[in-house]
Each structure stands twice: as structure tokens, then as C-alpha cells.
Amino acid sequence: MGHIFISTVCCLAQSIVCYNLRFCSLLEKVLMLEVNNLFCERDERVLFSGLSFNVQQREIVQIEGQNGSGKTTLLRILCGLCSAYQGEICWQGQAVEAVREDYFASLLYVGHQAGVKAALTPTENLHWMSRLHPALNLESIEQALDDVGLYGYEDVPCHMLSAGQQRRVGLARLHMSNAPLWILDEPFTALDKKGVAEKEALLSGHIKQGGSVILTTHHDLRIPDEQVRSINLDTLVQR
């Protein structure tokens, strides 16, 4: 009986250790994006120099700085929309140039403009966007519009919608996306308090599910501090 008892205890202890290891691995943050020694200038003015940072899984990185500090330019560089820079960008340990298809399929970029075609309806806009981006689920358009409070406006041309409603059409992509990396430029612009709170909850939910977010905003985020890290571009360049 003693041997059986000891064997049972050992098995139980081994199971607990294995469970703890699996649990810790779930909590362990995975390095998603690395930026090394980035340099960029515009109109003979240095925006940033020697900029290095990384973005881990389950993390929000907020890019801060005064107007003109290069926040939008940095996001456009990370999204491949601006090539006027020096330095290295890596996705999951590999240079972006070597894994371009995988990288761009893994990110969703939402700019500071609404990004919708005025002549199209919300449904038509999202259908068109989903054809351009493989990470957007075409079947979830109706639910996404409902999630952003546009139920009943699905077939109204966007030029008849308010600025806030047009912004919601663009942000509906977040509700359709399975991309692990979201890059967002001023995502709270033109939203009311309810809309801001809903988007904050959406961002928090995305990183809890293993995603990552890089964003710019002048809004004070109401998201737990342990989920957010800030990088201030104003402190990187001597002006």
C-alpha cells in the first residue's frame, strides 16, 4: 500500500508540474515585432533616429508625441506604406522583407481617416475591404455593423452618414479581423463616449486573446496599465 500511495503522490505532483508549465506557457509573451535602429527624416528634418523597440503578444504599444513628431509616419513605415527610412523591422524573428506575404496578412491597419468610399453603403465598403485583406471575415459583415451600432444603416450611402458613423464603418473591420497585429492611427477620432468605451473593450479583448496592438491616440486609455506600454517620440530626437 505504501508503494501505491507514493506512486500516486508522485503522479499527482508530476501532473501539477505539467499543468503549471502549460499554464505559464500560455501566459508567456511571444515577441511579435522588432524595430531596430530606425531612422527617418522629412523635409530635411529628422523625425526619429536610433528608434528601437519591440511589440510582444498580449501587449498594447502606444506611440506618443507632439503633432509633427512622426507618429503617423512611423505607423505607415510599419505597414509598408512608406519606404523612406533606414533600419530593420522584423516579424517573429525574421526580416519583414523575407516574410512580406505572411507579415502583411497578419496585420490590420486602420488610418486616422474614416477610409470609406462615400458613394458606397457600409455593407458595400466592408465587402470591398474584405476582398482586399485576407484577415477580414466576409461572413461577419452584418454582425460587425451591428457591433458598432450601425444596425439599420447597412444600405445607406456613407455620404449620408455622420463623421462618427463613417468612422464606425471603418472600425467595423476590427470586429471582422483575425489578424494578430492591429496598427491603429487615432482610432477614437469622432467617436462618442460610448463608442470610445466599446473600442477600448475591444482592444483589451484582442490582446487577452493573444493579439498585439500599436496605436497613436491623444485619448487617455482606460485600459489596465499592465496591458499598455508607451513610447514617446519627443524624447528620441534632440530638437
C-alpha atoms as a PDB file:
ATOM      1  CA  MET A   1       0.000   0.000   0.000  1.00  0.00           C
ATOM      2  CA  GLY A   2       2.886   2.341   0.825  1.00  0.00           C
ATOM      3  CA  HIS A   3       4.371   1.942  -2.658  1.00  0.00           C
ATOM      4  CA  ILE A   4       0.972   2.575  -4.248  1.00  0.00           C
ATOM      5  CA  PHE A   5       0.485   5.708  -2.132  1.00  0.00           C
ATOM      6  CA  ILE A   6       3.943   7.067  -3.015  1.00  0.00           C
ATOM      7  CA  SER A   7       3.404   6.310  -6.694  1.00  0.00           C
ATOM      8  CA  THR A   8       0.039   8.088  -6.631  1.00  0.00           C
ATOM      9  CA  VAL A   9       1.545  11.153  -4.938  1.00  0.00           C
ATOM     10  CA  CYS A  10       4.389  11.267  -7.481  1.00  0.00           C
ATOM     11  CA  CYS A  11       1.963  11.054 -10.395  1.00  0.00           C
ATOM     12  CA  LEU A  12      -0.165  13.796  -8.884  1.00  0.00           C
ATOM     13  CA  ALA A  13       2.869  16.023  -8.338  1.00  0.00           C
ATOM     14  CA  GLN A  14       4.023  15.403 -11.920  1.00  0.00           C
ATOM     15  CA  SER A  15       0.569  16.332 -13.220  1.00  0.00           C
ATOM     16  CA  ILE A  16       0.595  19.566 -11.216  1.00  0.00           C
ATOM     17  CA  VAL A  17       4.039  20.483 -12.567  1.00  0.00           C
ATOM     18  CA  CYS A  18       2.956  19.779 -16.145  1.00  0.00           C
ATOM     19  CA  TYR A  19      -0.201  21.841 -15.651  1.00  0.00           C
ATOM     20  CA  ASN A  20       1.804  24.740 -14.241  1.00  0.00           C
ATOM     21  CA  LEU A  21       4.238  24.583 -17.142  1.00  0.00           C
ATOM     22  CA  ARG A  22       1.379  24.640 -19.640  1.00  0.00           C
ATOM     23  CA  PHE A  23      -0.288  27.491 -17.759  1.00  0.00           C
ATOM     24  CA  CYS A  24       2.942  29.509 -17.690  1.00  0.00           C
ATOM     25  CA  SER A  25       3.472  28.940 -21.404  1.00  0.00           C
ATOM     26  CA  LEU A  26       0.034  30.401 -22.054  1.00  0.00           C
ATOM     27  CA  LEU A  27       0.952  33.499 -20.053  1.00  0.00           C
ATOM     28  CA  GLU A  28       4.406  33.862 -21.596  1.00  0.00           C
ATOM     29  CA  LYS A  29       4.556  36.739 -24.032  1.00  0.00           C
ATOM     30  CA  VAL A  30       5.840  35.954 -27.511  1.00  0.00           C
ATOM     31  CA  LEU A  31       7.913  38.514 -29.389  1.00  0.00           C
ATOM     32  CA  MET A  32       5.899  39.587 -32.429  1.00  0.00           C
ATOM     33  CA  LEU A  33       7.537  42.687 -33.938  1.00  0.00           C
ATOM     34  CA  GLU A  34      11.030  44.151 -33.585  1.00  0.00           C
ATOM     35  CA  VAL A  35      12.145  47.598 -34.724  1.00  0.00           C
ATOM     36  CA  ASN A  36      15.916  48.131 -34.758  1.00  0.00           C
ATOM     37  CA  ASN A  37      17.749  51.454 -35.134  1.00  0.00           C
ATOM     38  CA  LEU A  38      15.086  53.135 -37.249  1.00  0.00           C
ATOM     39  CA  PHE A  39      15.924  56.490 -38.847  1.00  0.00           C
ATOM     40  CA  CYS A  40      13.586  58.749 -40.790  1.00  0.00           C
ATOM     41  CA  GLU A  41      13.700  62.361 -41.920  1.00  0.00           C
ATOM     42  CA  ARG A  42      11.231  64.500 -43.827  1.00  0.00           C
ATOM     43  CA  ASP A  43      11.863  67.852 -45.485  1.00  0.00           C
ATOM     44  CA  GLU A  44      15.436  67.794 -44.141  1.00  0.00           C
ATOM     45  CA  ARG A  45      14.141  67.401 -40.574  1.00  0.00           C
ATOM     46  CA  VAL A  46      14.888  64.280 -38.555  1.00  0.00           C
ATOM     47  CA  LEU A  47      11.689  62.708 -37.227  1.00  0.00           C
ATOM     48  CA  PHE A  48      13.378  59.941 -35.270  1.00  0.00           C
ATOM     49  CA  SER A  49      16.817  58.389 -35.090  1.00  0.00           C
ATOM     50  CA  GLY A  50      18.061  55.229 -33.384  1.00  0.00           C
ATOM     51  CA  LEU A  51      14.495  54.174 -32.649  1.00  0.00           C
ATOM     52  CA  SER A  52      14.388  50.609 -31.351  1.00  0.00           C
ATOM     53  CA  PHE A  53      11.530  48.803 -29.647  1.00  0.00           C
ATOM     54  CA  ASN A  54       9.610  45.541 -29.749  1.00  0.00           C
ATOM     55  CA  VAL A  55       5.985  44.522 -29.550  1.00  0.00           C
ATOM     56  CA  GLN A  56       5.045  41.377 -27.682  1.00  0.00           C
ATOM     57  CA  GLN A  57       1.980  39.213 -27.733  1.00  0.00           C
ATOM     58  CA  ARG A  58      -0.837  40.404 -25.455  1.00  0.00           C
ATOM     59  CA  GLU A  59       0.502  43.969 -25.402  1.00  0.00           C
ATOM     60  CA  ILE A  60      -0.634  47.437 -26.495  1.00  0.00           C
ATOM     61  CA  VAL A  61       2.140  49.837 -27.512  1.00  0.00           C
ATOM     62  CA  GLN A  62       1.032  53.467 -27.554  1.00  0.00           C
ATOM     63  CA  ILE A  63       3.130  55.821 -29.686  1.00  0.00           C
ATOM     64  CA  GLU A  64       3.146  59.288 -28.160  1.00  0.00           C
ATOM     65  CA  GLY A  65       4.498  62.661 -29.247  1.00  0.00           C
ATOM     66  CA  GLN A  66       3.542  66.146 -30.297  1.00  0.00           C
ATOM     67  CA  ASN A  67       1.957  66.856 -33.667  1.00  0.00           C
ATOM     68  CA  GLY A  68       4.647  66.511 -36.322  1.00  0.00           C
ATOM     69  CA  SER A  69       6.815  64.174 -34.238  1.00  0.00           C
ATOM     70  CA  GLY A  70       6.426  61.350 -36.762  1.00  0.00           C
ATOM     71  CA  LYS A  71       3.770  59.142 -35.178  1.00  0.00           C
ATOM     72  CA  THR A  72       1.745  58.595 -38.352  1.00  0.00           C
ATOM     73  CA  THR A  73       4.916  58.253 -40.429  1.00  0.00           C
ATOM     74  CA  LEU A  74       6.141  55.503 -38.079  1.00  0.00           C
ATOM     75  CA  LEU A  75       2.872  53.589 -38.406  1.00  0.00           C
ATOM     76  CA  ARG A  76       2.992  53.925 -42.200  1.00  0.00           C
ATOM     77  CA  ILE A  77       6.545  52.566 -42.185  1.00  0.00           C
ATOM     78  CA  LEU A  78       5.470  49.579 -40.111  1.00  0.00           C
ATOM     79  CA  CYS A  79       2.608  48.934 -42.549  1.00  0.00           C
ATOM     80  CA  GLY A  80       4.827  49.126 -45.638  1.00  0.00           C
ATOM     81  CA  LEU A  81       3.215  52.349 -46.864  1.00  0.00           C
ATOM     82  CA  CYS A  82       6.404  54.414 -46.500  1.00  0.00           C
ATOM     83  CA  SER A  83       9.858  53.263 -47.577  1.00  0.00           C
ATOM     84  CA  ALA A  84      11.793  56.456 -46.765  1.00  0.00           C
ATOM     85  CA  TYR A  85      13.627  55.089 -43.744  1.00  0.00           C
ATOM     86  CA  GLN A  86      16.739  53.264 -42.627  1.00  0.00           C
ATOM     87  CA  GLY A  87      16.866  50.428 -40.124  1.00  0.00           C
ATOM     88  CA  GLU A  88      15.423  46.960 -39.679  1.00  0.00           C
ATOM     89  CA  ILE A  89      11.923  45.679 -38.999  1.00  0.00           C
ATOM     90  CA  CYS A  90      11.454  42.015 -38.061  1.00  0.00           C
ATOM     91  CA  TRP A  91       8.307  39.924 -37.798  1.00  0.00           C
ATOM     92  CA  GLN A  92       8.540  36.965 -35.428  1.00  0.00           C
ATOM     93  CA  GLY A  93      12.325  36.931 -35.665  1.00  0.00           C
ATOM     94  CA  GLN A  94      12.663  37.357 -39.434  1.00  0.00           C
ATOM     95  CA  ALA A  95      13.271  40.456 -41.530  1.00  0.00           C
ATOM     96  CA  VAL A  96       9.983  41.723 -42.951  1.00  0.00           C
ATOM     97  CA  GLU A  97      11.461  41.676 -46.456  1.00  0.00           C
ATOM     98  CA  ALA A  98      11.885  37.908 -46.167  1.00  0.00           C
ATOM     99  CA  VAL A  99       8.334  37.230 -44.943  1.00  0.00           C
ATOM    100  CA  ARG A 100       6.347  40.043 -46.574  1.00  0.00           C
ATOM    101  CA  GLU A 101       3.342  37.925 -47.504  1.00  0.00           C
ATOM    102  CA  ASP A 102       2.976  36.429 -44.038  1.00  0.00           C
ATOM    103  CA  TYR A 103       3.585  39.763 -42.315  1.00  0.00           C
ATOM    104  CA  PHE A 104       1.047  41.787 -44.285  1.00  0.00           C
ATOM    105  CA  ALA A 105      -1.521  39.008 -43.964  1.00  0.00           C
ATOM    106  CA  SER A 106      -1.000  39.144 -40.191  1.00  0.00           C
ATOM    107  CA  LEU A 107      -1.653  42.846 -39.668  1.00  0.00           C
ATOM    108  CA  LEU A 108      -4.629  45.140 -39.960  1.00  0.00           C
ATOM    109  CA  TYR A 109      -4.011  48.853 -40.444  1.00  0.00           C
ATOM    110  CA  VAL A 110      -6.693  51.465 -39.756  1.00  0.00           C
ATOM    111  CA  GLY A 111      -5.603  55.032 -40.563  1.00  0.00           C
ATOM    112  CA  HIS A 112      -6.741  58.270 -38.963  1.00  0.00           C
ATOM    113  CA  GLN A 113      -9.250  58.909 -41.754  1.00  0.00           C
ATOM    114  CA  ALA A 114     -12.530  57.002 -41.947  1.00  0.00           C
ATOM    115  CA  GLY A 115     -11.234  55.184 -45.012  1.00  0.00           C
ATOM    116  CA  VAL A 116     -14.616  54.592 -46.619  1.00  0.00           C
ATOM    117  CA  LYS A 117     -15.937  55.373 -50.093  1.00  0.00           C
ATOM    118  CA  ALA A 118     -18.742  57.930 -49.748  1.00  0.00           C
ATOM    119  CA  ALA A 119     -20.808  56.557 -52.654  1.00  0.00           C
ATOM    120  CA  LEU A 120     -20.887  53.043 -51.204  1.00  0.00           C
ATOM    121  CA  THR A 121     -23.016  51.742 -48.343  1.00  0.00           C
ATOM    122  CA  PRO A 122     -21.410  50.381 -45.148  1.00  0.00           C
ATOM    123  CA  THR A 123     -22.073  46.830 -46.366  1.00  0.00           C
ATOM    124  CA  GLU A 124     -20.532  47.546 -49.778  1.00  0.00           C
ATOM    125  CA  ASN A 125     -17.491  49.231 -48.192  1.00  0.00           C
ATOM    126  CA  LEU A 126     -16.788  46.295 -45.891  1.00  0.00           C
ATOM    127  CA  HIS A 127     -17.364  43.800 -48.691  1.00  0.00           C
ATOM    128  CA  TRP A 128     -14.809  45.663 -50.805  1.00  0.00           C
ATOM    129  CA  MET A 129     -12.327  45.878 -47.886  1.00  0.00           C
ATOM    130  CA  SER A 130     -12.663  42.161 -47.149  1.00  0.00           C
ATOM    131  CA  ARG A 131     -11.722  41.361 -50.754  1.00  0.00           C
ATOM    132  CA  LEU A 132      -8.507  43.341 -50.289  1.00  0.00           C
ATOM    133  CA  HIS A 133      -7.494  41.864 -46.950  1.00  0.00           C
ATOM    134  CA  PRO A 134      -7.480  38.101 -46.277  1.00  0.00           C
ATOM    135  CA  ALA A 135      -7.750  38.595 -42.497  1.00  0.00           C
ATOM    136  CA  LEU A 136     -11.252  40.100 -42.767  1.00  0.00           C
ATOM    137  CA  ASN A 137     -14.098  37.616 -42.496  1.00  0.00           C
ATOM    138  CA  LEU A 138     -16.602  38.359 -45.264  1.00  0.00           C
ATOM    139  CA  GLU A 139     -19.332  36.410 -43.481  1.00  0.00           C
ATOM    140  CA  SER A 140     -19.216  38.650 -40.395  1.00  0.00           C
ATOM    141  CA  ILE A 141     -20.109  41.977 -42.064  1.00  0.00           C
ATOM    142  CA  GLU A 142     -23.668  42.104 -40.752  1.00  0.00           C
ATOM    143  CA  GLN A 143     -22.600  41.283 -37.190  1.00  0.00           C
ATOM    144  CA  ALA A 144     -19.703  43.757 -37.345  1.00  0.00           C
ATOM    145  CA  LEU A 145     -22.028  46.619 -38.329  1.00  0.00           C
ATOM    146  CA  ASP A 146     -24.377  45.645 -35.536  1.00  0.00           C
ATOM    147  CA  ASP A 147     -21.440  45.606 -33.088  1.00  0.00           C
ATOM    148  CA  VAL A 148     -20.504  49.211 -33.968  1.00  0.00           C
ATOM    149  CA  GLY A 149     -24.080  50.444 -33.654  1.00  0.00           C
ATOM    150  CA  LEU A 150     -24.956  50.705 -37.335  1.00  0.00           C
ATOM    151  CA  TYR A 151     -27.852  48.273 -37.399  1.00  0.00           C
ATOM    152  CA  GLY A 152     -30.399  49.723 -39.802  1.00  0.00           C
ATOM    153  CA  TYR A 153     -27.775  51.762 -41.689  1.00  0.00           C
ATOM    154  CA  GLU A 154     -26.292  48.869 -43.649  1.00  0.00           C
ATOM    155  CA  ASP A 155     -27.655  50.052 -47.005  1.00  0.00           C
ATOM    156  CA  VAL A 156     -27.418  53.818 -46.513  1.00  0.00           C
ATOM    157  CA  PRO A 157     -24.760  55.518 -48.699  1.00  0.00           C
ATOM    158  CA  CYS A 158     -21.891  56.638 -46.482  1.00  0.00           C
ATOM    159  CA  HIS A 159     -22.113  60.249 -47.664  1.00  0.00           C
ATOM    160  CA  MET A 160     -25.435  60.417 -45.791  1.00  0.00           C
ATOM    161  CA  LEU A 161     -23.828  59.275 -42.515  1.00  0.00           C
ATOM    162  CA  SER A 162     -22.261  61.496 -39.852  1.00  0.00           C
ATOM    163  CA  ALA A 163     -18.480  61.661 -39.398  1.00  0.00           C
ATOM    164  CA  GLY A 164     -18.765  59.428 -36.340  1.00  0.00           C
ATOM    165  CA  GLN A 165     -20.863  56.873 -38.214  1.00  0.00           C
ATOM    166  CA  GLN A 166     -18.406  56.832 -41.114  1.00  0.00           C
ATOM    167  CA  ARG A 167     -15.611  56.267 -38.633  1.00  0.00           C
ATOM    168  CA  ARG A 168     -17.550  53.340 -37.204  1.00  0.00           C
ATOM    169  CA  VAL A 169     -17.832  51.803 -40.668  1.00  0.00           C
ATOM    170  CA  GLY A 170     -14.031  51.803 -40.938  1.00  0.00           C
ATOM    171  CA  LEU A 171     -13.578  50.498 -37.407  1.00  0.00           C
ATOM    172  CA  ALA A 172     -16.038  47.668 -38.072  1.00  0.00           C
ATOM    173  CA  ARG A 173     -13.055  45.948 -39.692  1.00  0.00           C
ATOM    174  CA  LEU A 174     -11.710  45.275 -36.189  1.00  0.00           C
ATOM    175  CA  HIS A 175     -14.789  43.159 -35.497  1.00  0.00           C
ATOM    176  CA  MET A 176     -14.161  41.185 -38.701  1.00  0.00           C
ATOM    177  CA  SER A 177     -10.423  40.686 -38.315  1.00  0.00           C
ATOM    178  CA  ASN A 178      -8.450  37.639 -37.237  1.00  0.00           C
ATOM    179  CA  ALA A 179      -5.103  39.411 -37.798  1.00  0.00           C
ATOM    180  CA  PRO A 180      -2.904  39.138 -34.685  1.00  0.00           C
ATOM    181  CA  LEU A 181      -1.352  42.611 -35.112  1.00  0.00           C
ATOM    182  CA  TRP A 182      -3.503  45.743 -35.236  1.00  0.00           C
ATOM    183  CA  ILE A 183      -1.902  49.081 -36.170  1.00  0.00           C
ATOM    184  CA  LEU A 184      -4.286  51.950 -35.481  1.00  0.00           C
ATOM    185  CA  ASP A 185      -3.845  55.674 -36.071  1.00  0.00           C
ATOM    186  CA  GLU A 186      -6.099  57.746 -33.780  1.00  0.00           C
ATOM    187  CA  PRO A 187      -8.852  55.083 -33.638  1.00  0.00           C
ATOM    188  CA  PHE A 188     -11.048  57.113 -31.252  1.00  0.00           C
ATOM    189  CA  THR A 189     -11.404  60.170 -33.507  1.00  0.00           C
ATOM    190  CA  ALA A 190     -15.040  61.305 -33.991  1.00  0.00           C
ATOM    191  CA  LEU A 191     -16.399  58.665 -31.591  1.00  0.00           C
ATOM    192  CA  ASP A 192     -18.714  59.495 -28.703  1.00  0.00           C
ATOM    193  CA  LYS A 193     -18.029  58.299 -25.143  1.00  0.00           C
ATOM    194  CA  LYS A 194     -19.965  55.081 -25.669  1.00  0.00           C
ATOM    195  CA  GLY A 195     -18.071  54.331 -28.869  1.00  0.00           C
ATOM    196  CA  VAL A 196     -14.724  55.020 -27.187  1.00  0.00           C
ATOM    197  CA  ALA A 197     -15.539  52.682 -24.299  1.00  0.00           C
ATOM    198  CA  GLU A 198     -16.599  49.941 -26.723  1.00  0.00           C
ATOM    199  CA  LYS A 199     -13.349  50.243 -28.686  1.00  0.00           C
ATOM    200  CA  GLU A 200     -11.264  50.165 -25.518  1.00  0.00           C
ATOM    201  CA  ALA A 201     -13.020  46.945 -24.515  1.00  0.00           C
ATOM    202  CA  LEU A 202     -12.393  45.548 -27.999  1.00  0.00           C
ATOM    203  CA  LEU A 203      -8.663  46.341 -27.811  1.00  0.00           C
ATOM    204  CA  SER A 204      -8.396  44.801 -24.357  1.00  0.00           C
ATOM    205  CA  GLY A 205     -10.209  41.687 -25.557  1.00  0.00           C
ATOM    206  CA  HIS A 206      -7.924  41.396 -28.593  1.00  0.00           C
ATOM    207  CA  ILE A 207      -4.741  41.290 -26.540  1.00  0.00           C
ATOM    208  CA  LYS A 208      -6.266  38.928 -23.985  1.00  0.00           C
ATOM    209  CA  GLN A 209      -6.809  36.523 -26.884  1.00  0.00           C
ATOM    210  CA  GLY A 210      -3.118  36.736 -27.811  1.00  0.00           C
ATOM    211  CA  GLY A 211      -3.111  39.692 -30.182  1.00  0.00           C
ATOM    212  CA  SER A 212      -0.974  42.844 -30.226  1.00  0.00           C
ATOM    213  CA  VAL A 213      -1.816  46.496 -30.873  1.00  0.00           C
ATOM    214  CA  ILE A 214       0.262  49.509 -31.899  1.00  0.00           C
ATOM    215  CA  LEU A 215      -1.660  52.769 -31.805  1.00  0.00           C
ATOM    216  CA  THR A 216      -1.473  56.521 -31.629  1.00  0.00           C
ATOM    217  CA  THR A 217      -4.042  58.498 -29.684  1.00  0.00           C
ATOM    218  CA  HIS A 218      -4.383  61.725 -27.734  1.00  0.00           C
ATOM    219  CA  HIS A 219      -7.029  59.980 -25.665  1.00  0.00           C
ATOM    220  CA  ASP A 220      -6.206  58.743 -22.160  1.00  0.00           C
ATOM    221  CA  LEU A 221      -6.690  54.997 -22.444  1.00  0.00           C
ATOM    222  CA  ARG A 222      -8.901  53.409 -19.815  1.00  0.00           C
ATOM    223  CA  ILE A 223      -7.155  50.069 -20.119  1.00  0.00           C
ATOM    224  CA  PRO A 224      -5.174  48.374 -17.297  1.00  0.00           C
ATOM    225  CA  ASP A 225      -1.623  49.750 -17.170  1.00  0.00           C
ATOM    226  CA  GLU A 226      -0.065  46.283 -17.318  1.00  0.00           C
ATOM    227  CA  GLN A 227      -1.502  45.867 -20.817  1.00  0.00           C
ATOM    228  CA  VAL A 228      -0.135  49.159 -22.190  1.00  0.00           C
ATOM    229  CA  ARG A 229       3.411  50.385 -22.851  1.00  0.00           C
ATOM    230  CA  SER A 230       4.179  53.873 -24.138  1.00  0.00           C
ATOM    231  CA  ILE A 231       6.933  55.147 -26.456  1.00  0.00           C
ATOM    232  CA  ASN A 232       7.379  58.918 -26.690  1.00  0.00           C
ATOM    233  CA  LEU A 233       8.976  60.097 -29.935  1.00  0.00           C
ATOM    234  CA  ASP A 234       9.639  63.559 -28.495  1.00  0.00           C
ATOM    235  CA  THR A 235      12.374  62.166 -26.253  1.00  0.00           C
ATOM    236  CA  LEU A 236      14.234  60.367 -29.053  1.00  0.00           C
ATOM    237  CA  VAL A 237      15.498  63.308 -31.122  1.00  0.00           C
ATOM    238  CA  GLN A 238      17.323  66.443 -29.962  1.00  0.00           C
ATOM    239  CA  ARG A 239      15.327  69.326 -31.451  1.00  0.00           C
END
